[in-house]
């Protein structure tokens, strides 16, 4: 199963000391599970669980995860979530995230 292969990439990347690649694999796995039909509550919990450590080690992966979380929140109607808080005010919303990516 593709999801298991992506999980293996994540595990091996952590094992060999490459958190950037591991967190990117995690982002792709969440997206893959989303399109496979995984429950949104499970995906939301997965992103929430890993977002803080992701922001410390991989801003690129954190950016993708924040967009995943925003998509999940919009589908579940969760207006209380603020995944952008991990950026400590540097990136406050999707518009500033896009502006930061273009700079």
N, C-alpha and C. Protein backbone atom coordinates (compact mmCIF):
# COMPACT_ATOMS: atom_id res chain seq x y z
N UNK A 1 0.84 -1.18 0.00
CA UNK A 1 0.00 0.00 0.00
C UNK A 1 0.88 1.24 0.00
N UNK A 2 0.52 2.23 -0.79
CA UNK A 2 1.31 3.45 -0.94
C UNK A 2 1.50 4.21 0.36
N UNK A 3 0.46 4.26 1.18
CA UNK A 3 0.56 4.95 2.46
C UNK A 3 1.64 4.34 3.34
N UNK A 4 1.75 3.02 3.31
CA UNK A 4 2.78 2.36 4.11
C UNK A 4 4.17 2.66 3.58
N UNK A 5 4.32 2.77 2.26
CA UNK A 5 5.61 3.11 1.68
C UNK A 5 6.03 4.53 2.08
N UNK A 6 5.07 5.43 2.08
CA UNK A 6 5.37 6.81 2.50
C UNK A 6 5.75 6.83 3.97
N UNK A 7 5.06 6.02 4.79
CA UNK A 7 5.40 5.92 6.21
C UNK A 7 6.81 5.37 6.38
N UNK A 8 7.18 4.40 5.56
CA UNK A 8 8.54 3.84 5.60
C UNK A 8 9.59 4.90 5.27
N UNK A 9 9.30 5.75 4.30
CA UNK A 9 10.22 6.84 3.95
C UNK A 9 10.38 7.78 5.14
N UNK A 10 9.27 8.11 5.79
CA UNK A 10 9.31 8.98 6.96
C UNK A 10 10.17 8.34 8.05
N UNK A 11 9.91 7.09 8.36
CA UNK A 11 10.64 6.39 9.43
C UNK A 11 12.14 6.31 9.13
N UNK A 12 12.48 5.95 7.90
CA UNK A 12 13.88 5.83 7.52
C UNK A 12 14.58 7.20 7.54
N UNK A 13 13.88 8.23 7.13
CA UNK A 13 14.47 9.56 7.13
C UNK A 13 14.79 10.01 8.55
N UNK A 14 13.89 9.76 9.49
CA UNK A 14 14.18 10.08 10.89
C UNK A 14 15.35 9.25 11.40
N UNK A 15 15.35 7.99 11.05
CA UNK A 15 16.41 7.07 11.50
C UNK A 15 17.79 7.54 11.02
N UNK A 16 17.86 8.05 9.80
CA UNK A 16 19.14 8.48 9.24
C UNK A 16 19.42 9.97 9.46
N UNK A 17 18.61 10.60 10.30
CA UNK A 17 18.89 11.98 10.68
C UNK A 17 18.49 13.04 9.68
N UNK A 18 17.47 12.80 8.90
CA UNK A 18 17.00 13.77 7.91
C UNK A 18 15.56 14.18 8.22
N UNK A 19 15.37 15.04 9.24
CA UNK A 19 14.00 15.42 9.61
C UNK A 19 13.27 16.17 8.51
N UNK A 20 14.00 16.93 7.68
CA UNK A 20 13.35 17.67 6.58
C UNK A 20 12.60 16.71 5.66
N UNK A 21 13.28 15.66 5.25
CA UNK A 21 12.66 14.67 4.36
C UNK A 21 11.56 13.89 5.08
N UNK A 22 11.79 13.59 6.35
CA UNK A 22 10.79 12.85 7.13
C UNK A 22 9.49 13.64 7.25
N UNK A 23 9.61 14.92 7.58
CA UNK A 23 8.41 15.74 7.72
C UNK A 23 7.72 15.97 6.38
N UNK A 24 8.50 16.06 5.32
CA UNK A 24 7.88 16.22 3.99
C UNK A 24 7.11 14.95 3.63
N UNK A 25 7.67 13.79 3.95
CA UNK A 25 6.96 12.53 3.70
C UNK A 25 5.66 12.49 4.50
N UNK A 26 5.74 13.00 5.73
CA UNK A 26 4.54 13.04 6.57
C UNK A 26 3.46 13.92 5.94
N UNK A 27 3.85 15.06 5.39
CA UNK A 27 2.89 15.94 4.71
C UNK A 27 2.23 15.24 3.53
N UNK A 28 3.05 14.57 2.75
CA UNK A 28 2.53 13.86 1.58
C UNK A 28 1.62 12.70 2.00
N UNK A 29 1.96 12.06 3.09
CA UNK A 29 1.13 10.95 3.58
C UNK A 29 -0.25 11.45 4.01
N UNK A 30 -0.29 12.58 4.71
CA UNK A 30 -1.57 13.16 5.12
C UNK A 30 -2.40 13.49 3.88
N UNK A 31 -1.77 14.09 2.89
CA UNK A 31 -2.50 14.44 1.66
C UNK A 31 -3.00 13.18 0.96
N UNK A 32 -2.15 12.16 0.88
CA UNK A 32 -2.54 10.90 0.26
C UNK A 32 -3.73 10.29 1.00
N UNK A 33 -3.66 10.26 2.34
CA UNK A 33 -4.75 9.69 3.13
C UNK A 33 -6.04 10.50 2.96
N UNK A 34 -5.91 11.80 2.80
CA UNK A 34 -7.07 12.64 2.55
C UNK A 34 -7.79 12.20 1.28
N UNK A 35 -7.03 12.06 0.20
CA UNK A 35 -7.63 11.68 -1.08
C UNK A 35 -8.08 10.22 -1.09
N UNK A 36 -7.53 9.41 -0.20
CA UNK A 36 -7.97 8.03 -0.08
C UNK A 36 -9.27 7.92 0.72
N UNK A 37 -9.61 8.99 1.42
CA UNK A 37 -10.88 9.00 2.15
C UNK A 37 -10.77 8.79 3.64
N UNK A 38 -9.58 9.01 4.20
CA UNK A 38 -9.41 8.87 5.65
C UNK A 38 -10.31 9.87 6.37
N UNK A 39 -10.74 9.52 7.57
CA UNK A 39 -11.60 10.41 8.35
C UNK A 39 -10.87 11.71 8.64
N UNK A 40 -11.57 12.82 8.45
CA UNK A 40 -10.97 14.14 8.64
C UNK A 40 -10.52 14.36 10.07
N UNK A 41 -11.24 13.81 11.03
CA UNK A 41 -10.84 13.97 12.43
C UNK A 41 -9.48 13.33 12.70
N UNK A 42 -9.23 12.21 12.07
CA UNK A 42 -7.93 11.53 12.23
C UNK A 42 -6.83 12.36 11.59
N UNK A 43 -7.09 12.88 10.39
CA UNK A 43 -6.09 13.69 9.71
C UNK A 43 -5.81 14.98 10.49
N UNK A 44 -6.85 15.60 11.01
CA UNK A 44 -6.68 16.82 11.78
C UNK A 44 -5.82 16.55 13.02
N UNK A 45 -6.09 15.47 13.70
CA UNK A 45 -5.31 15.11 14.88
C UNK A 45 -3.85 14.83 14.52
N UNK A 46 -3.63 14.15 13.41
CA UNK A 46 -2.27 13.85 12.95
C UNK A 46 -1.49 15.13 12.70
N UNK A 47 -2.10 16.07 12.00
CA UNK A 47 -1.42 17.34 11.72
C UNK A 47 -1.17 18.10 13.02
N UNK A 48 -2.19 18.20 13.87
CA UNK A 48 -2.03 18.91 15.14
C UNK A 48 -0.91 18.33 15.99
N UNK A 49 -0.81 17.02 16.00
CA UNK A 49 0.19 16.34 16.83
C UNK A 49 1.61 16.68 16.40
N UNK A 50 1.83 16.87 15.12
CA UNK A 50 3.20 17.01 14.61
C UNK A 50 3.58 18.43 14.18
N UNK A 51 2.65 19.34 14.17
CA UNK A 51 2.92 20.66 13.59
C UNK A 51 4.00 21.44 14.35
N UNK A 52 3.99 21.42 15.67
CA UNK A 52 4.98 22.18 16.44
C UNK A 52 6.41 21.72 16.16
N UNK A 53 6.64 20.41 16.22
CA UNK A 53 7.99 19.92 15.96
C UNK A 53 8.38 20.14 14.51
N UNK A 54 7.41 20.06 13.63
CA UNK A 54 7.66 20.30 12.22
C UNK A 54 8.13 21.74 12.00
N UNK A 55 7.52 22.68 12.68
CA UNK A 55 7.89 24.09 12.53
C UNK A 55 9.31 24.35 13.02
N UNK A 56 9.76 23.59 14.01
CA UNK A 56 11.13 23.76 14.51
C UNK A 56 12.17 23.24 13.54
N UNK A 57 11.87 22.16 12.84
CA UNK A 57 12.87 21.49 12.02
C UNK A 57 12.70 21.68 10.52
N UNK A 58 11.51 22.07 10.07
CA UNK A 58 11.28 22.15 8.63
C UNK A 58 10.15 23.13 8.31
N UNK A 59 10.53 24.38 8.06
CA UNK A 59 9.53 25.39 7.72
C UNK A 59 8.79 25.02 6.44
N UNK A 60 9.49 24.45 5.49
CA UNK A 60 8.84 24.05 4.22
C UNK A 60 7.73 23.04 4.48
N UNK A 61 8.02 22.02 5.28
CA UNK A 61 7.00 21.02 5.60
C UNK A 61 5.89 21.61 6.45
N UNK A 62 6.26 22.48 7.37
CA UNK A 62 5.24 23.13 8.21
C UNK A 62 4.28 23.94 7.36
N UNK A 63 4.80 24.59 6.33
CA UNK A 63 3.95 25.37 5.43
C UNK A 63 2.94 24.47 4.72
N UNK A 64 3.41 23.34 4.21
CA UNK A 64 2.50 22.39 3.56
C UNK A 64 1.47 21.86 4.56
N UNK A 65 1.92 21.56 5.77
CA UNK A 65 1.01 21.02 6.78
C UNK A 65 -0.04 22.03 7.20
N UNK A 66 0.37 23.30 7.30
CA UNK A 66 -0.59 24.34 7.64
C UNK A 66 -1.67 24.42 6.56
N UNK A 67 -1.28 24.32 5.31
CA UNK A 67 -2.27 24.34 4.23
C UNK A 67 -3.17 23.11 4.29
N UNK A 68 -2.59 21.95 4.61
CA UNK A 68 -3.41 20.75 4.81
C UNK A 68 -4.40 20.96 5.94
N UNK A 69 -3.92 21.52 7.05
CA UNK A 69 -4.78 21.74 8.22
C UNK A 69 -5.88 22.74 7.90
N UNK A 70 -5.53 23.79 7.18
CA UNK A 70 -6.54 24.79 6.80
C UNK A 70 -7.63 24.15 5.93
N UNK A 71 -7.23 23.28 4.99
CA UNK A 71 -8.19 22.59 4.14
C UNK A 71 -9.10 21.69 4.98
N UNK A 72 -8.52 20.94 5.88
CA UNK A 72 -9.30 20.04 6.74
C UNK A 72 -10.25 20.85 7.61
N UNK A 73 -9.74 21.93 8.20
CA UNK A 73 -10.59 22.77 9.06
C UNK A 73 -11.76 23.36 8.29
N UNK A 74 -11.52 23.77 7.04
CA UNK A 74 -12.61 24.35 6.26
C UNK A 74 -13.67 23.30 5.94
N UNK A 75 -13.25 22.06 5.75
CA UNK A 75 -14.21 20.99 5.46
C UNK A 75 -14.98 20.53 6.70
N UNK A 76 -14.36 20.63 7.86
CA UNK A 76 -15.03 20.22 9.10
C UNK A 76 -15.76 21.37 9.77
N UNK A 77 -15.52 22.60 9.30
CA UNK A 77 -16.17 23.76 9.90
C UNK A 77 -15.51 24.22 11.18
N UNK A 78 -14.28 23.81 11.43
CA UNK A 78 -13.57 24.19 12.65
C UNK A 78 -13.01 25.60 12.49
N UNK A 79 -13.70 26.57 13.05
CA UNK A 79 -13.27 27.96 12.96
C UNK A 79 -12.38 28.36 14.13
N UNK A 80 -12.25 27.49 15.13
CA UNK A 80 -11.44 27.82 16.30
C UNK A 80 -9.96 27.51 16.09
N UNK A 81 -9.64 26.71 15.10
CA UNK A 81 -8.26 26.31 14.85
C UNK A 81 -7.49 27.45 14.18
N UNK A 82 -6.24 27.63 14.59
CA UNK A 82 -5.37 28.61 13.95
C UNK A 82 -4.00 27.97 13.72
N UNK A 83 -3.85 27.21 12.64
CA UNK A 83 -2.58 26.54 12.41
C UNK A 83 -1.43 27.51 12.16
N UNK A 84 -1.74 28.75 11.79
CA UNK A 84 -0.69 29.74 11.52
C UNK A 84 0.01 30.21 12.79
N UNK A 85 -0.53 29.90 13.95
CA UNK A 85 0.07 30.32 15.22
C UNK A 85 1.49 29.77 15.39
N UNK A 86 1.81 28.66 14.74
CA UNK A 86 3.15 28.08 14.88
C UNK A 86 4.23 28.98 14.31
N UNK A 87 3.85 29.94 13.46
CA UNK A 87 4.83 30.83 12.84
C UNK A 87 5.09 32.08 13.69
N UNK A 88 4.48 32.15 14.87
CA UNK A 88 4.72 33.25 15.83
C UNK A 88 4.56 34.64 15.23
N UNK A 89 3.51 34.83 14.45
CA UNK A 89 3.20 36.14 13.90
C UNK A 89 3.87 36.47 12.58
N UNK A 90 4.88 35.71 12.17
CA UNK A 90 5.56 35.98 10.90
C UNK A 90 4.63 35.71 9.72
N UNK A 91 3.85 34.64 9.82
CA UNK A 91 2.87 34.29 8.79
C UNK A 91 1.54 34.12 9.51
N UNK A 92 0.58 35.00 9.18
CA UNK A 92 -0.69 35.03 9.91
C UNK A 92 -1.86 34.37 9.20
N UNK A 93 -1.75 34.23 7.87
CA UNK A 93 -2.85 33.68 7.10
C UNK A 93 -2.32 33.21 5.74
N UNK A 94 -3.22 32.71 4.92
CA UNK A 94 -2.80 32.18 3.62
C UNK A 94 -2.17 33.25 2.73
N UNK A 95 -2.67 34.48 2.80
CA UNK A 95 -2.13 35.54 1.97
C UNK A 95 -0.67 35.84 2.33
N UNK A 96 -0.37 35.93 3.64
CA UNK A 96 1.01 36.20 4.03
C UNK A 96 1.90 34.98 3.78
N UNK A 97 1.32 33.79 3.84
CA UNK A 97 2.08 32.60 3.52
C UNK A 97 2.48 32.62 2.05
N UNK A 98 1.55 32.97 1.17
CA UNK A 98 1.85 33.04 -0.27
C UNK A 98 2.87 34.15 -0.55
N UNK A 99 2.73 35.29 0.12
CA UNK A 99 3.69 36.38 -0.07
C UNK A 99 5.08 35.95 0.40
N UNK A 100 5.15 35.25 1.51
CA UNK A 100 6.43 34.76 2.02
C UNK A 100 7.05 33.75 1.04
N UNK A 101 6.23 32.91 0.45
CA UNK A 101 6.73 31.91 -0.49
C UNK A 101 7.27 32.56 -1.76
N UNK A 102 6.68 33.68 -2.15
CA UNK A 102 7.11 34.36 -3.37
C UNK A 102 8.36 35.20 -3.17
N UNK A 103 8.69 35.51 -1.92
CA UNK A 103 9.88 36.34 -1.67
C UNK A 103 11.16 35.55 -1.66
